[in-house]
Amino acid sequence: MIKVSINGKITELEDNLNIKQMINILDYKTESFAVAINTTFVSIEKYGETIIQNGDTIDILAPVQGG
């Protein structure tokens, strides 16, 4: 198990998960969000190959409509 911070909350996850697997485990229902790991945004094309590491800070951000 590894410990990461997801949106400011310490969370334990299994080792060797990629972003896509993490999103499924966390049960995110929409594709409309962005993911940053350690303040660096990850493109959706790289979700399946970006492995989450112990101590990572992960931000999952939903788009905000403005006007």
C-alpha atoms as a PDB file:
ATOM      1  CA  MET A   1       0.000   0.000   0.000  1.00  0.00           C
ATOM      2  CA  ILE A   2       1.064   3.569  -0.633  1.00  0.00           C
ATOM      3  CA  LYS A   3      -0.121   6.840   0.883  1.00  0.00           C
ATOM      4  CA  VAL A   4      -0.981   9.787  -1.331  1.00  0.00           C
ATOM      5  CA  SER A   5      -2.792  13.071  -0.883  1.00  0.00           C
ATOM      6  CA  ILE A   6      -5.896  13.331  -3.080  1.00  0.00           C
ATOM      7  CA  ASN A   7      -7.481  16.780  -3.034  1.00  0.00           C
ATOM      8  CA  GLY A   8      -5.884  17.387   0.356  1.00  0.00           C
ATOM      9  CA  LYS A   9      -6.986  14.104   1.952  1.00  0.00           C
ATOM     10  CA  ILE A  10      -4.453  11.376   2.791  1.00  0.00           C
ATOM     11  CA  THR A  11      -5.562   8.174   1.070  1.00  0.00           C
ATOM     12  CA  GLU A  12      -4.100   4.663   0.933  1.00  0.00           C
ATOM     13  CA  LEU A  13      -3.965   2.980  -2.468  1.00  0.00           C
ATOM     14  CA  GLU A  14      -2.564  -0.267  -3.798  1.00  0.00           C
ATOM     15  CA  ASP A  15       0.954  -0.230  -5.230  1.00  0.00           C
ATOM     16  CA  ASN A  16       1.528   0.200  -8.974  1.00  0.00           C
ATOM     17  CA  LEU A  17      -1.798   1.826  -9.855  1.00  0.00           C
ATOM     18  CA  ASN A  18      -1.995   4.143 -12.820  1.00  0.00           C
ATOM     19  CA  ILE A  19      -4.245   7.199 -12.932  1.00  0.00           C
ATOM     20  CA  LYS A  20      -6.947   5.398 -14.921  1.00  0.00           C
ATOM     21  CA  GLN A  21      -7.132   2.601 -12.329  1.00  0.00           C
ATOM     22  CA  MET A  22      -7.198   5.119  -9.465  1.00  0.00           C
ATOM     23  CA  ILE A  23     -10.098   7.001 -11.073  1.00  0.00           C
ATOM     24  CA  ASN A  24     -12.057   3.740 -11.374  1.00  0.00           C
ATOM     25  CA  ILE A  25     -11.333   2.778  -7.747  1.00  0.00           C
ATOM     26  CA  LEU A  26     -12.406   6.233  -6.542  1.00  0.00           C
ATOM     27  CA  ASP A  27     -15.593   5.808  -8.621  1.00  0.00           C
ATOM     28  CA  TYR A  28     -15.445   9.044 -10.583  1.00  0.00           C
ATOM     29  CA  LYS A  29     -18.515   8.988 -12.830  1.00  0.00           C
ATOM     30  CA  THR A  30     -17.604  11.673 -15.334  1.00  0.00           C
ATOM     31  CA  GLU A  31     -14.799  12.190 -17.801  1.00  0.00           C
ATOM     32  CA  SER A  32     -14.938  15.952 -17.214  1.00  0.00           C
ATOM     33  CA  PHE A  33     -12.006  16.540 -14.898  1.00  0.00           C
ATOM     34  CA  ALA A  34      -8.286  17.145 -14.973  1.00  0.00           C
ATOM     35  CA  VAL A  35      -5.644  15.374 -12.921  1.00  0.00           C
ATOM     36  CA  ALA A  36      -2.429  16.930 -11.633  1.00  0.00           C
ATOM     37  CA  ILE A  37       0.285  14.985  -9.852  1.00  0.00           C
ATOM     38  CA  ASN A  38       2.695  17.059  -7.785  1.00  0.00           C
ATOM     39  CA  THR A  39       1.335  20.239  -9.469  1.00  0.00           C
ATOM     40  CA  THR A  40       1.925  18.907 -13.009  1.00  0.00           C
ATOM     41  CA  PHE A  41      -1.158  18.258 -15.119  1.00  0.00           C
ATOM     42  CA  VAL A  42      -1.277  14.855 -16.826  1.00  0.00           C
ATOM     43  CA  SER A  43      -2.917  14.562 -20.248  1.00  0.00           C
ATOM     44  CA  ILE A  44      -5.791  12.092 -20.498  1.00  0.00           C
ATOM     45  CA  GLU A  45      -3.777  10.114 -23.052  1.00  0.00           C
ATOM     46  CA  LYS A  46      -1.201   9.346 -20.329  1.00  0.00           C
ATOM     47  CA  TYR A  47      -3.649   8.231 -17.587  1.00  0.00           C
ATOM     48  CA  GLY A  48      -3.059   4.552 -18.401  1.00  0.00           C
ATOM     49  CA  GLU A  49       0.724   4.800 -18.259  1.00  0.00           C
ATOM     50  CA  THR A  50       1.288   7.249 -15.385  1.00  0.00           C
ATOM     51  CA  ILE A  51       1.982   5.252 -12.219  1.00  0.00           C
ATOM     52  CA  ILE A  52       1.099   6.807  -8.868  1.00  0.00           C
ATOM     53  CA  GLN A  53       3.981   6.865  -6.393  1.00  0.00           C
ATOM     54  CA  ASN A  54       4.044   6.858  -2.595  1.00  0.00           C
ATOM     55  CA  GLY A  55       3.848  10.440  -1.317  1.00  0.00           C
ATOM     56  CA  ASP A  56       2.344  11.911  -4.500  1.00  0.00           C
ATOM     57  CA  THR A  57       0.040  14.905  -4.195  1.00  0.00           C
ATOM     58  CA  ILE A  58      -2.879  14.384  -6.568  1.00  0.00           C
ATOM     59  CA  ASP A  59      -5.438  17.027  -7.472  1.00  0.00           C
ATOM     60  CA  ILE A  60      -8.585  16.029  -9.345  1.00  0.00           C
ATOM     61  CA  LEU A  61     -10.246  19.155 -10.658  1.00  0.00           C
ATOM     62  CA  ALA A  62     -13.665  19.555 -12.243  1.00  0.00           C
ATOM     63  CA  PRO A  63     -14.129  22.281 -14.851  1.00  0.00           C
ATOM     64  CA  VAL A  64     -15.827  25.470 -13.709  1.00  0.00           C
ATOM     65  CA  GLN A  65     -18.099  27.351 -16.044  1.00  0.00           C
ATOM     66  CA  GLY A  66     -17.690  31.070 -16.048  1.00  0.00           C
ATOM     67  CA  GLY A  67     -19.133  33.971 -17.794  1.00  0.00           C
END
